[in-house]
Amino acid sequence: MTETRSLRVAFLGNDAWSVPSLGAIARSRHLVVTVVTAEPKPAGRGNELTPTPVAVEAERLGLPLLQTSTVRTGAGFKELSTTAPDVLAVVAYGELLTPNVLHVPTIAPVNVHFSLLPQLRGAAPVQTALLAGLDRTGVTTMMMDKGLDTGPVILQREERILPEDDAGSLGERLAEIGAELLVETLDMLASGPVAPQPQDPSLATLAPKFGPEDRVLDWSYPAALLRSDAPHFLATKLDAFDDRGEGDFYGSKDMEDIVSVLSGRPEIVTDVGASEPDIRRFLAERAAILLGSHAFTQSIAGHVPGEPKVRVIERLEQILAGGAA
């Protein structure tokens, strides 16, 4: 059996879910000629410049790293072009690539997408699969074209969605599957021409990016509905408004305090708008995900216009002391 040749791979990614694919290529016979990711951005309460998870992993692995605002034009495009890659490997990169970028590799631009295309095209396939109540999803590798996740399919692998899944647990499994499929895809391309299968546009569904207005829990809903509807956001970013849509933006320490208070006093749940004490168990069960993923919550209590805004934990302490307004 003839051994496949080594490909020169330019890797493009930003997300934590991109990291397994980068590591898998680095461990394979293929050569990572550059890792392209976004420039460091302010993050956290101190607004410190923070590199992407991909940048952190590339530096750990000692790989060539290009941190840039775009590869479509300017210095980013020039530096990518000079690496002369055989393949672009794109995983959760977040920038729609233009034809000039797609033509840089000598063999193909390849994308890892976390759904069974043509289902769930777009930026949020993991969250949308959970929100839609699907019992299965998967991963696709495809040849990229100028459309949004419309290129022909190379490989696919199905994955069952578990009842207890949230975006974090499902996304992590799909990221590992995607890493395996990506290396398999590179091996196929290294062996010679492949015959990717066109997608059937009549079967396409969309998974657009969620905005702030989509990350809202209405605490007047029954707890059972909140429990079933919220997990797709809990490993990313959660906003919990009161019924007036008001609230401050708080960090994971506030969430930790909230869970602690609610766990000790389930009766106060009804005072903050939830209709069932089951919400206490919902928060307690998800606390580890919220805290581990640096999720945020907005004030459960909200505020009256013209009055000072109150920290979440202070509001809960007022309720416990019988001083809630």
C-alpha atoms as a PDB file:
ATOM      1  CA  MET A   1       0.000   0.000   0.000  1.00  0.00           C
ATOM      2  CA  THR A   2       1.352   3.384  -1.016  1.00  0.00           C
ATOM      3  CA  GLU A   3       1.706   5.844   1.868  1.00  0.00           C
ATOM      4  CA  THR A   4      -0.028   9.169   1.389  1.00  0.00           C
ATOM      5  CA  ARG A   5       2.165  12.215   1.040  1.00  0.00           C
ATOM      6  CA  SER A   6       2.391  15.011   3.548  1.00  0.00           C
ATOM      7  CA  LEU A   7       0.231  18.054   2.825  1.00  0.00           C
ATOM      8  CA  ARG A   8       1.052  21.644   3.658  1.00  0.00           C
ATOM      9  CA  VAL A   9      -1.908  22.844   5.729  1.00  0.00           C
ATOM     10  CA  ALA A  10      -2.897  26.377   6.680  1.00  0.00           C
ATOM     11  CA  PHE A  11      -5.237  26.147   9.664  1.00  0.00           C
ATOM     12  CA  LEU A  12      -7.879  28.840  10.278  1.00  0.00           C
ATOM     13  CA  GLY A  13      -9.834  28.845  13.535  1.00  0.00           C
ATOM     14  CA  ASN A  14     -10.763  30.891  16.573  1.00  0.00           C
ATOM     15  CA  ASP A  15     -12.924  28.842  18.902  1.00  0.00           C
ATOM     16  CA  ALA A  16     -12.192  26.327  21.633  1.00  0.00           C
ATOM     17  CA  TRP A  17     -13.965  23.829  19.379  1.00  0.00           C
ATOM     18  CA  SER A  18     -11.266  24.497  16.756  1.00  0.00           C
ATOM     19  CA  VAL A  19      -8.493  23.308  19.063  1.00  0.00           C
ATOM     20  CA  PRO A  20      -8.955  19.504  18.744  1.00  0.00           C
ATOM     21  CA  SER A  21      -8.648  19.767  14.962  1.00  0.00           C
ATOM     22  CA  LEU A  22      -5.455  21.789  15.206  1.00  0.00           C
ATOM     23  CA  GLY A  23      -3.945  19.257  17.591  1.00  0.00           C
ATOM     24  CA  ALA A  24      -4.976  16.344  15.379  1.00  0.00           C
ATOM     25  CA  ILE A  25      -3.284  17.850  12.319  1.00  0.00           C
ATOM     26  CA  ALA A  26      -0.152  18.619  14.343  1.00  0.00           C
ATOM     27  CA  ARG A  27       0.023  14.933  15.372  1.00  0.00           C
ATOM     28  CA  SER A  28      -0.567  13.695  11.827  1.00  0.00           C
ATOM     29  CA  ARG A  29       1.893  13.309   8.970  1.00  0.00           C
ATOM     30  CA  HIS A  30       0.760  16.636   7.565  1.00  0.00           C
ATOM     31  CA  LEU A  31       2.640  19.904   8.044  1.00  0.00           C
ATOM     32  CA  VAL A  32       0.969  22.939   9.604  1.00  0.00           C
ATOM     33  CA  VAL A  33       2.567  25.839   7.718  1.00  0.00           C
ATOM     34  CA  THR A  34       0.586  28.532   9.551  1.00  0.00           C
ATOM     35  CA  VAL A  35      -2.183  28.929  12.104  1.00  0.00           C
ATOM     36  CA  VAL A  36      -4.458  31.883  11.384  1.00  0.00           C
ATOM     37  CA  THR A  37      -6.639  33.280  14.146  1.00  0.00           C
ATOM     38  CA  ALA A  38      -8.130  36.558  15.296  1.00  0.00           C
ATOM     39  CA  GLU A  39      -6.112  39.211  17.064  1.00  0.00           C
ATOM     40  CA  PRO A  40      -6.268  39.328  20.883  1.00  0.00           C
ATOM     41  CA  LYS A  41      -9.361  41.125  22.157  1.00  0.00           C
ATOM     42  CA  PRO A  42     -10.265  42.713  25.502  1.00  0.00           C
ATOM     43  CA  ALA A  43     -11.961  40.201  27.771  1.00  0.00           C
ATOM     44  CA  GLY A  44     -12.887  39.717  31.398  1.00  0.00           C
ATOM     45  CA  ARG A  45     -13.577  42.288  34.050  1.00  0.00           C
ATOM     46  CA  GLY A  46     -10.164  43.861  33.527  1.00  0.00           C
ATOM     47  CA  ASN A  47     -10.602  44.074  29.739  1.00  0.00           C
ATOM     48  CA  GLU A  48      -7.180  42.517  29.296  1.00  0.00           C
ATOM     49  CA  LEU A  49      -6.123  41.601  25.775  1.00  0.00           C
ATOM     50  CA  THR A  50      -6.776  37.887  25.490  1.00  0.00           C
ATOM     51  CA  PRO A  51      -5.652  35.604  22.641  1.00  0.00           C
ATOM     52  CA  THR A  52      -8.038  33.092  21.100  1.00  0.00           C
ATOM     53  CA  PRO A  53      -7.937  29.468  22.281  1.00  0.00           C
ATOM     54  CA  VAL A  54      -6.394  28.613  18.919  1.00  0.00           C
ATOM     55  CA  ALA A  55      -3.569  31.104  19.426  1.00  0.00           C
ATOM     56  CA  VAL A  56      -2.852  29.643  22.864  1.00  0.00           C
ATOM     57  CA  GLU A  57      -2.726  26.108  21.464  1.00  0.00           C
ATOM     58  CA  ALA A  58      -0.580  27.102  18.474  1.00  0.00           C
ATOM     59  CA  GLU A  59       1.995  28.677  20.788  1.00  0.00           C
ATOM     60  CA  ARG A  60       1.922  25.619  23.045  1.00  0.00           C
ATOM     61  CA  LEU A  61       2.615  23.397  20.039  1.00  0.00           C
ATOM     62  CA  GLY A  62       5.287  25.728  18.646  1.00  0.00           C
ATOM     63  CA  LEU A  63       3.426  26.290  15.377  1.00  0.00           C
ATOM     64  CA  PRO A  64       3.748  29.361  13.133  1.00  0.00           C
ATOM     65  CA  LEU A  65       1.035  31.796  14.200  1.00  0.00           C
ATOM     66  CA  LEU A  66      -0.665  34.642  12.336  1.00  0.00           C
ATOM     67  CA  GLN A  67      -3.023  36.765  14.441  1.00  0.00           C
ATOM     68  CA  THR A  68      -4.934  39.081  12.151  1.00  0.00           C
ATOM     69  CA  SER A  69      -8.258  40.901  11.856  1.00  0.00           C
ATOM     70  CA  THR A  70      -8.867  39.472   8.373  1.00  0.00           C
ATOM     71  CA  VAL A  71      -7.306  37.250   5.723  1.00  0.00           C
ATOM     72  CA  ARG A  72      -9.470  38.575   2.935  1.00  0.00           C
ATOM     73  CA  THR A  73      -7.290  41.595   2.199  1.00  0.00           C
ATOM     74  CA  GLY A  74      -4.090  43.347   3.215  1.00  0.00           C
ATOM     75  CA  ALA A  75      -1.296  41.882   5.281  1.00  0.00           C
ATOM     76  CA  GLY A  76      -3.350  38.922   6.449  1.00  0.00           C
ATOM     77  CA  PHE A  77      -4.051  37.774   2.907  1.00  0.00           C
ATOM     78  CA  LYS A  78      -0.449  38.355   1.846  1.00  0.00           C
ATOM     79  CA  GLU A  79       1.011  36.366   4.734  1.00  0.00           C
ATOM     80  CA  LEU A  80      -1.414  33.494   4.197  1.00  0.00           C
ATOM     81  CA  SER A  81      -0.584  33.382   0.489  1.00  0.00           C
ATOM     82  CA  THR A  82       3.158  33.262   1.063  1.00  0.00           C
ATOM     83  CA  THR A  83       2.844  30.011   3.064  1.00  0.00           C
ATOM     84  CA  ALA A  84       1.849  28.216  -0.174  1.00  0.00           C
ATOM     85  CA  PRO A  85      -0.550  25.721   1.440  1.00  0.00           C
ATOM     86  CA  ASP A  86      -1.949  22.655  -0.279  1.00  0.00           C
ATOM     87  CA  VAL A  87      -5.077  22.858   1.869  1.00  0.00           C
ATOM     88  CA  LEU A  88      -6.879  25.426   3.969  1.00  0.00           C
ATOM     89  CA  ALA A  89      -8.388  23.698   7.002  1.00  0.00           C
ATOM     90  CA  VAL A  90     -11.107  25.941   8.424  1.00  0.00           C
ATOM     91  CA  VAL A  91     -12.769  25.133  11.751  1.00  0.00           C
ATOM     92  CA  ALA A  92     -15.038  27.612  13.574  1.00  0.00           C
ATOM     93  CA  TYR A  93     -13.190  30.568  12.094  1.00  0.00           C
ATOM     94  CA  GLY A  94     -16.128  32.944  11.819  1.00  0.00           C
ATOM     95  CA  GLU A  95     -15.091  34.956   8.756  1.00  0.00           C
ATOM     96  CA  LEU A  96     -16.784  34.308   5.427  1.00  0.00           C
ATOM     97  CA  LEU A  97     -13.888  33.661   3.062  1.00  0.00           C
ATOM     98  CA  THR A  98     -13.831  35.424  -0.272  1.00  0.00           C
ATOM     99  CA  PRO A  99     -12.899  33.745  -3.597  1.00  0.00           C
ATOM    100  CA  ASN A 100      -9.350  35.121  -3.543  1.00  0.00           C
ATOM    101  CA  VAL A 101      -8.743  33.323  -0.225  1.00  0.00           C
ATOM    102  CA  LEU A 102     -10.460  30.124  -1.364  1.00  0.00           C
ATOM    103  CA  HIS A 103      -8.102  30.016  -4.358  1.00  0.00           C
ATOM    104  CA  VAL A 104      -4.934  30.210  -2.216  1.00  0.00           C
ATOM    105  CA  PRO A 105      -4.514  26.441  -1.600  1.00  0.00           C
ATOM    106  CA  THR A 106      -3.239  24.298  -4.453  1.00  0.00           C
ATOM    107  CA  ILE A 107      -5.652  21.440  -3.660  1.00  0.00           C
ATOM    108  CA  ALA A 108      -8.702  22.698  -1.770  1.00  0.00           C
ATOM    109  CA  PRO A 109     -10.162  24.784   1.039  1.00  0.00           C
ATOM    110  CA  VAL A 110     -11.817  22.392   3.516  1.00  0.00           C
ATOM    111  CA  ASN A 111     -14.269  23.255   6.261  1.00  0.00           C
ATOM    112  CA  VAL A 112     -15.323  21.263   9.324  1.00  0.00           C
ATOM    113  CA  HIS A 113     -18.971  22.025  10.092  1.00  0.00           C
ATOM    114  CA  PHE A 114     -20.789  20.796  13.194  1.00  0.00           C
ATOM    115  CA  SER A 115     -23.934  19.438  11.544  1.00  0.00           C
ATOM    116  CA  LEU A 116     -25.021  16.954   8.901  1.00  0.00           C
ATOM    117  CA  LEU A 117     -25.136  19.327   5.962  1.00  0.00           C
ATOM    118  CA  PRO A 118     -27.269  20.542   4.290  1.00  0.00           C
ATOM    119  CA  GLN A 119     -29.023  20.620   7.666  1.00  0.00           C
ATOM    120  CA  LEU A 120     -28.197  23.557   9.927  1.00  0.00           C
ATOM    121  CA  ARG A 121     -26.114  25.755   7.691  1.00  0.00           C
ATOM    122  CA  GLY A 122     -24.780  28.767   9.550  1.00  0.00           C
ATOM    123  CA  ALA A 123     -22.927  29.972  12.621  1.00  0.00           C
ATOM    124  CA  ALA A 124     -24.825  28.150  15.403  1.00  0.00           C
ATOM    125  CA  PRO A 125     -25.533  24.551  14.366  1.00  0.00           C
ATOM    126  CA  VAL A 126     -24.882  23.065  17.820  1.00  0.00           C
ATOM    127  CA  GLN A 127     -27.194  25.424  19.696  1.00  0.00           C
ATOM    128  CA  THR A 128     -29.860  25.225  16.997  1.00  0.00           C
ATOM    129  CA  ALA A 129     -29.874  21.424  17.041  1.00  0.00           C
ATOM    130  CA  LEU A 130     -30.594  21.520  20.764  1.00  0.00           C
ATOM    131  CA  LEU A 131     -33.172  24.284  20.471  1.00  0.00           C
ATOM    132  CA  ALA A 132     -34.965  22.359  17.709  1.00  0.00           C
ATOM    133  CA  GLY A 133     -35.112  19.242  19.873  1.00  0.00           C
ATOM    134  CA  LEU A 134     -33.234  17.071  17.375  1.00  0.00           C
ATOM    135  CA  ASP A 135     -32.200  13.606  18.543  1.00  0.00           C
ATOM    136  CA  ARG A 136     -29.187  13.430  16.258  1.00  0.00           C
ATOM    137  CA  THR A 137     -26.698  15.702  14.551  1.00  0.00           C
ATOM    138  CA  GLY A 138     -23.133  15.216  13.360  1.00  0.00           C
ATOM    139  CA  VAL A 139     -20.084  16.621  11.626  1.00  0.00           C
ATOM    140  CA  THR A 140     -19.357  17.308   7.967  1.00  0.00           C
ATOM    141  CA  THR A 141     -16.161  18.032   6.093  1.00  0.00           C
ATOM    142  CA  MET A 142     -16.752  19.841   2.828  1.00  0.00           C
ATOM    143  CA  MET A 143     -15.016  21.609  -0.009  1.00  0.00           C
ATOM    144  CA  MET A 144     -15.599  25.315   0.534  1.00  0.00           C
ATOM    145  CA  ASP A 145     -17.199  27.537  -2.076  1.00  0.00           C
ATOM    146  CA  LYS A 146     -18.353  31.166  -1.978  1.00  0.00           C
ATOM    147  CA  GLY A 147     -21.654  30.264  -0.309  1.00  0.00           C
ATOM    148  CA  LEU A 148     -22.396  29.812   3.387  1.00  0.00           C
ATOM    149  CA  ASP A 149     -21.814  26.107   4.106  1.00  0.00           C
ATOM    150  CA  THR A 150     -23.000  25.173   0.612  1.00  0.00           C
ATOM    151  CA  GLY A 151     -19.941  23.292  -0.686  1.00  0.00           C
ATOM    152  CA  PRO A 152     -19.912  19.612  -1.657  1.00  0.00           C
ATOM    153  CA  VAL A 153     -19.615  17.064   1.139  1.00  0.00           C
ATOM    154  CA  ILE A 154     -16.481  14.941   1.581  1.00  0.00           C
ATOM    155  CA  LEU A 155     -17.163  13.028   4.816  1.00  0.00           C
ATOM    156  CA  GLN A 156     -19.898  12.919   7.434  1.00  0.00           C
ATOM    157  CA  ARG A 157     -20.339  11.251  10.779  1.00  0.00           C
ATOM    158  CA  GLU A 158     -23.530  11.130  12.817  1.00  0.00           C
ATOM    159  CA  GLU A 159     -23.705  11.728  16.580  1.00  0.00           C
ATOM    160  CA  ARG A 160     -26.652  11.146  18.906  1.00  0.00           C
ATOM    161  CA  ILE A 161     -27.836  14.054  21.031  1.00  0.00           C
ATOM    162  CA  LEU A 162     -28.191  12.923  24.623  1.00  0.00           C
ATOM    163  CA  PRO A 163     -31.074  14.104  26.850  1.00  0.00           C
ATOM    164  CA  GLU A 164     -28.614  15.746  29.230  1.00  0.00           C
ATOM    165  CA  ASP A 165     -26.633  17.531  26.480  1.00  0.00           C
ATOM    166  CA  ASP A 166     -26.046  21.259  26.425  1.00  0.00           C
ATOM    167  CA  ALA A 167     -24.026  23.265  23.913  1.00  0.00           C
ATOM    168  CA  GLY A 168     -20.838  22.577  25.828  1.00  0.00           C
ATOM    169  CA  SER A 169     -21.055  18.794  26.066  1.00  0.00           C
ATOM    170  CA  LEU A 170     -22.406  18.310  22.546  1.00  0.00           C
ATOM    171  CA  GLY A 171     -19.977  20.803  21.024  1.00  0.00           C
ATOM    172  CA  GLU A 172     -17.003  19.147  22.699  1.00  0.00           C
ATOM    173  CA  ARG A 173     -17.954  15.734  21.290  1.00  0.00           C
ATOM    174  CA  LEU A 174     -18.520  17.137  17.822  1.00  0.00           C
ATOM    175  CA  ALA A 175     -15.173  18.952  17.981  1.00  0.00           C
ATOM    176  CA  GLU A 176     -13.387  15.665  18.700  1.00  0.00           C
ATOM    177  CA  ILE A 177     -15.267  13.923  15.892  1.00  0.00           C
ATOM    178  CA  GLY A 178     -14.447  16.821  13.583  1.00  0.00           C
ATOM    179  CA  ALA A 179     -10.744  16.471  14.375  1.00  0.00           C
ATOM    180  CA  GLU A 180     -10.813  12.813  13.335  1.00  0.00           C
ATOM    181  CA  LEU A 181     -12.778  13.539  10.155  1.00  0.00           C
ATOM    182  CA  LEU A 182     -10.464  16.388   9.206  1.00  0.00           C
ATOM    183  CA  VAL A 183      -7.345  14.213   9.334  1.00  0.00           C
ATOM    184  CA  GLU A 184      -9.185  11.490   7.389  1.00  0.00           C
ATOM    185  CA  THR A 185     -10.126  14.115   4.818  1.00  0.00           C
ATOM    186  CA  LEU A 186      -6.540  15.350   4.534  1.00  0.00           C
ATOM    187  CA  ASP A 187      -5.342  11.775   4.056  1.00  0.00           C
ATOM    188  CA  MET A 188      -7.892  11.306   1.272  1.00  0.00           C
ATOM    189  CA  LEU A 189      -6.801  14.503  -0.459  1.00  0.00           C
ATOM    190  CA  ALA A 190      -3.156  13.490  -0.155  1.00  0.00           C
ATOM    191  CA  SER A 191      -3.911  10.171  -1.864  1.00  0.00           C
ATOM    192  CA  GLY A 192      -5.381  11.759  -4.968  1.00  0.00           C
ATOM    193  CA  PRO A 193      -8.564  13.349  -6.301  1.00  0.00           C
ATOM    194  CA  VAL A 194     -11.737  12.907  -4.258  1.00  0.00           C
ATOM    195  CA  ALA A 195     -15.355  13.028  -5.419  1.00  0.00           C
ATOM    196  CA  PRO A 196     -17.301  15.170  -2.951  1.00  0.00           C
ATOM    197  CA  GLN A 197     -21.077  14.943  -3.158  1.00  0.00           C
ATOM    198  CA  PRO A 198     -23.135  18.075  -3.903  1.00  0.00           C
ATOM    199  CA  GLN A 199     -25.593  19.127  -1.234  1.00  0.00           C
ATOM    200  CA  ASP A 200     -29.308  18.979  -1.972  1.00  0.00           C
ATOM    201  CA  PRO A 201     -30.481  22.581  -1.472  1.00  0.00           C
ATOM    202  CA  SER A 202     -34.088  21.444  -1.035  1.00  0.00           C
ATOM    203  CA  LEU A 203     -33.067  19.789   2.249  1.00  0.00           C
ATOM    204  CA  ALA A 204     -31.200  22.802   3.620  1.00  0.00           C
ATOM    205  CA  THR A 205     -32.078  24.320   6.998  1.00  0.00           C
ATOM    206  CA  LEU A 206     -30.464  27.324   8.657  1.00  0.00           C
ATOM    207  CA  ALA A 207     -28.693  27.878  11.974  1.00  0.00           C
ATOM    208  CA  PRO A 208     -27.971  31.618  12.070  1.00  0.00           C
ATOM    209  CA  LYS A 209     -25.870  33.282  14.725  1.00  0.00           C
ATOM    210  CA  PHE A 210     -27.723  34.054  17.947  1.00  0.00           C
ATOM    211  CA  GLY A 211     -27.936  37.678  19.011  1.00  0.00           C
ATOM    212  CA  PRO A 212     -28.377  39.125  22.507  1.00  0.00           C
ATOM    213  CA  GLU A 213     -32.158  39.066  22.099  1.00  0.00           C
ATOM    214  CA  ASP A 214     -32.039  35.288  21.642  1.00  0.00           C
ATOM    215  CA  ARG A 215     -30.200  34.672  24.920  1.00  0.00           C
ATOM    216  CA  VAL A 216     -33.085  35.544  27.194  1.00  0.00           C
ATOM    217  CA  LEU A 217     -34.793  33.454  29.843  1.00  0.00           C
ATOM    218  CA  ASP A 218     -38.268  34.648  30.777  1.00  0.00           C
ATOM    219  CA  TRP A 219     -38.513  33.791  34.458  1.00  0.00           C
ATOM    220  CA  SER A 220     -42.305  33.830  34.295  1.00  0.00           C
ATOM    221  CA  TYR A 221     -42.203  30.604  32.267  1.00  0.00           C
ATOM    222  CA  PRO A 222     -42.763  27.275  34.037  1.00  0.00           C
ATOM    223  CA  ALA A 223     -39.541  25.789  35.332  1.00  0.00           C
ATOM    224  CA  ALA A 224     -39.941  22.692  33.150  1.00  0.00           C
ATOM    225  CA  LEU A 225     -39.915  24.868  30.044  1.00  0.00           C
ATOM    226  CA  LEU A 226     -36.892  26.808  31.232  1.00  0.00           C
ATOM    227  CA  ARG A 227     -35.089  23.549  31.925  1.00  0.00           C
ATOM    228  CA  SER A 228     -35.715  22.256  28.410  1.00  0.00           C
ATOM    229  CA  ASP A 229     -35.159  25.516  26.559  1.00  0.00           C
ATOM    230  CA  ALA A 230     -32.042  26.897  28.251  1.00  0.00           C
ATOM    231  CA  PRO A 231     -29.248  24.292  27.952  1.00  0.00           C
ATOM    232  CA  HIS A 232     -28.292  25.261  24.389  1.00  0.00           C
ATOM    233  CA  PHE A 233     -27.113  28.613  25.760  1.00  0.00           C
ATOM    234  CA  LEU A 234     -25.652  27.622  29.096  1.00  0.00           C
ATOM    235  CA  ALA A 235     -22.207  26.731  27.826  1.00  0.00           C
ATOM    236  CA  THR A 236     -21.960  29.927  25.844  1.00  0.00           C
ATOM    237  CA  LYS A 237     -23.680  32.938  27.334  1.00  0.00           C
ATOM    238  CA  LEU A 238     -26.876  33.263  29.341  1.00  0.00           C
ATOM    239  CA  ASP A 239     -28.891  36.406  29.962  1.00  0.00           C
ATOM    240  CA  ALA A 240     -31.686  36.167  32.519  1.00  0.00           C
ATOM    241  CA  PHE A 241     -33.984  39.185  32.417  1.00  0.00           C
ATOM    242  CA  ASP A 242     -36.926  40.011  34.559  1.00  0.00           C
ATOM    243  CA  ASP A 243     -40.292  40.526  32.892  1.00  0.00           C
ATOM    244  CA  ARG A 244     -39.437  44.159  32.084  1.00  0.00           C
ATOM    245  CA  GLY A 245     -36.308  43.189  30.178  1.00  0.00           C
ATOM    246  CA  GLU A 246     -34.123  45.133  32.579  1.00  0.00           C
ATOM    247  CA  GLY A 247     -30.944  44.077  34.298  1.00  0.00           C
ATOM    248  CA  ASP A 248     -27.236  44.523  34.778  1.00  0.00           C
ATOM    249  CA  PHE A 249     -24.546  42.330  33.288  1.00  0.00           C
ATOM    250  CA  TYR A 250     -22.790  40.181  35.859  1.00  0.00           C
ATOM    251  CA  GLY A 251     -20.133  37.533  35.912  1.00  0.00           C
ATOM    252  CA  SER A 252     -19.735  33.956  37.029  1.00  0.00           C
ATOM    253  CA  LYS A 253     -19.088  34.860  40.680  1.00  0.00           C
ATOM    254  CA  ASP A 254     -22.577  36.352  40.843  1.00  0.00           C
ATOM    255  CA  MET A 255     -23.973  33.151  39.358  1.00  0.00           C
ATOM    256  CA  GLU A 256     -22.136  31.133  41.994  1.00  0.00           C
ATOM    257  CA  ASP A 257     -23.702  33.273  44.705  1.00  0.00           C
ATOM    258  CA  ILE A 258     -27.148  32.938  43.172  1.00  0.00           C
ATOM    259  CA  VAL A 259     -26.913  29.166  43.013  1.00  0.00           C
ATOM    260  CA  SER A 260     -25.698  29.053  46.593  1.00  0.00           C
ATOM    261  CA  VAL A 261     -28.549  31.198  47.852  1.00  0.00           C
ATOM    262  CA  LEU A 262     -31.240  29.437  45.859  1.00  0.00           C
ATOM    263  CA  SER A 263     -29.962  26.030  46.903  1.00  0.00           C
ATOM    264  CA  GLY A 264     -30.454  26.976  50.551  1.00  0.00           C
ATOM    265  CA  ARG A 265     -33.779  28.773  50.157  1.00  0.00           C
ATOM    266  CA  PRO A 266     -35.899  27.256  47.348  1.00  0.00           C
ATOM    267  CA  GLU A 267     -38.961  29.202  48.517  1.00  0.00           C
ATOM    268  CA  ILE A 268     -37.476  32.474  47.307  1.00  0.00           C
ATOM    269  CA  VAL A 269     -37.603  31.272  43.716  1.00  0.00           C
ATOM    270  CA  THR A 270     -41.227  32.309  43.427  1.00  0.00           C
ATOM    271  CA  ASP A 271     -40.281  35.764  44.679  1.00  0.00           C
ATOM    272  CA  VAL A 272     -37.923  36.318  41.753  1.00  0.00           C
ATOM    273  CA  GLY A 273     -40.480  35.366  39.140  1.00  0.00           C
ATOM    274  CA  ALA A 274     -40.092  31.617  38.591  1.00  0.00           C
ATOM    275  CA  SER A 275     -43.260  29.617  38.925  1.00  0.00           C
ATOM    276  CA  GLU A 276     -41.819  26.388  40.333  1.00  0.00           C
ATOM    277  CA  PRO A 277     -39.086  25.615  42.899  1.00  0.00           C
ATOM    278  CA  ASP A 278     -37.679  23.179  40.350  1.00  0.00           C
ATOM    279  CA  ILE A 279     -35.743  26.205  39.049  1.00  0.00           C
ATOM    280  CA  ARG A 280     -33.454  25.847  42.060  1.00  0.00           C
ATOM    281  CA  ARG A 281     -32.420  22.364  40.903  1.00  0.00           C
ATOM    282  CA  PHE A 282     -32.069  23.647  37.350  1.00  0.00           C
ATOM    283  CA  LEU A 283     -29.571  26.292  38.462  1.00  0.00           C
ATOM    284  CA  ALA A 284     -27.700  23.955  40.766  1.00  0.00           C
ATOM    285  CA  GLU A 285     -27.329  21.265  38.091  1.00  0.00           C
ATOM    286  CA  ARG A 286     -26.014  23.764  35.555  1.00  0.00           C
ATOM    287  CA  ALA A 287     -23.777  25.761  37.868  1.00  0.00           C
ATOM    288  CA  ALA A 288     -20.624  23.887  36.909  1.00  0.00           C
ATOM    289  CA  ILE A 289     -21.250  24.561  33.232  1.00  0.00           C
ATOM    290  CA  LEU A 290     -21.995  28.213  33.854  1.00  0.00           C
ATOM    291  CA  LEU A 291     -18.916  28.755  35.978  1.00  0.00           C
ATOM    292  CA  GLY A 292     -16.578  26.605  33.920  1.00  0.00           C
ATOM    293  CA  SER A 293     -17.503  28.366  30.704  1.00  0.00           C
ATOM    294  CA  HIS A 294     -17.339  31.894  32.115  1.00  0.00           C
ATOM    295  CA  ALA A 295     -21.028  32.353  31.399  1.00  0.00           C
ATOM    296  CA  PHE A 296     -22.812  35.453  32.511  1.00  0.00           C
ATOM    297  CA  THR A 297     -26.228  36.298  33.828  1.00  0.00           C
ATOM    298  CA  GLN A 298     -28.219  39.474  33.900  1.00  0.00           C
ATOM    299  CA  SER A 299     -30.049  40.675  36.949  1.00  0.00           C
ATOM    300  CA  ILE A 300     -33.028  38.554  37.846  1.00  0.00           C
ATOM    301  CA  ALA A 301     -34.531  41.484  39.678  1.00  0.00           C
ATOM    302  CA  GLY A 302     -34.002  44.277  37.162  1.00  0.00           C
ATOM    303  CA  HIS A 303     -34.622  47.824  38.236  1.00  0.00           C
ATOM    304  CA  VAL A 304     -37.120  50.650  38.077  1.00  0.00           C
ATOM    305  CA  PRO A 305     -36.032  53.497  35.756  1.00  0.00           C
ATOM    306  CA  GLY A 306     -34.486  56.301  37.761  1.00  0.00           C
ATOM    307  CA  GLU A 307     -33.580  54.074  40.700  1.00  0.00           C
ATOM    308  CA  PRO A 308     -30.088  52.693  41.351  1.00  0.00           C
ATOM    309  CA  LYS A 309     -29.403  49.279  39.861  1.00  0.00           C
ATOM    310  CA  VAL A 310     -28.820  46.544  42.413  1.00  0.00           C
ATOM    311  CA  ARG A 311     -26.368  43.669  42.148  1.00  0.00           C
ATOM    312  CA  VAL A 312     -28.036  40.291  41.788  1.00  0.00           C
ATOM    313  CA  ILE A 313     -26.732  38.903  45.057  1.00  0.00           C
ATOM    314  CA  GLU A 314     -27.756  42.059  46.920  1.00  0.00           C
ATOM    315  CA  ARG A 315     -31.264  41.711  45.524  1.00  0.00           C
ATOM    316  CA  LEU A 316     -31.461  38.118  46.722  1.00  0.00           C
ATOM    317  CA  GLU A 317     -30.204  39.124  50.136  1.00  0.00           C
ATOM    318  CA  GLN A 318     -32.972  41.733  50.275  1.00  0.00           C
ATOM    319  CA  ILE A 319     -35.515  39.039  49.493  1.00  0.00           C
ATOM    320  CA  LEU A 320     -34.134  36.776  52.193  1.00  0.00           C
ATOM    321  CA  ALA A 321     -34.288  39.646  54.674  1.00  0.00           C
ATOM    322  CA  GLY A 322     -37.865  40.417  53.694  1.00  0.00           C
ATOM    323  CA  GLY A 323     -36.906  43.732  52.165  1.00  0.00           C
ATOM    324  CA  ALA A 324     -37.758  43.087  48.540  1.00  0.00           C
ATOM    325  CA  ALA A 325     -39.546  45.885  46.770  1.00  0.00           C
END
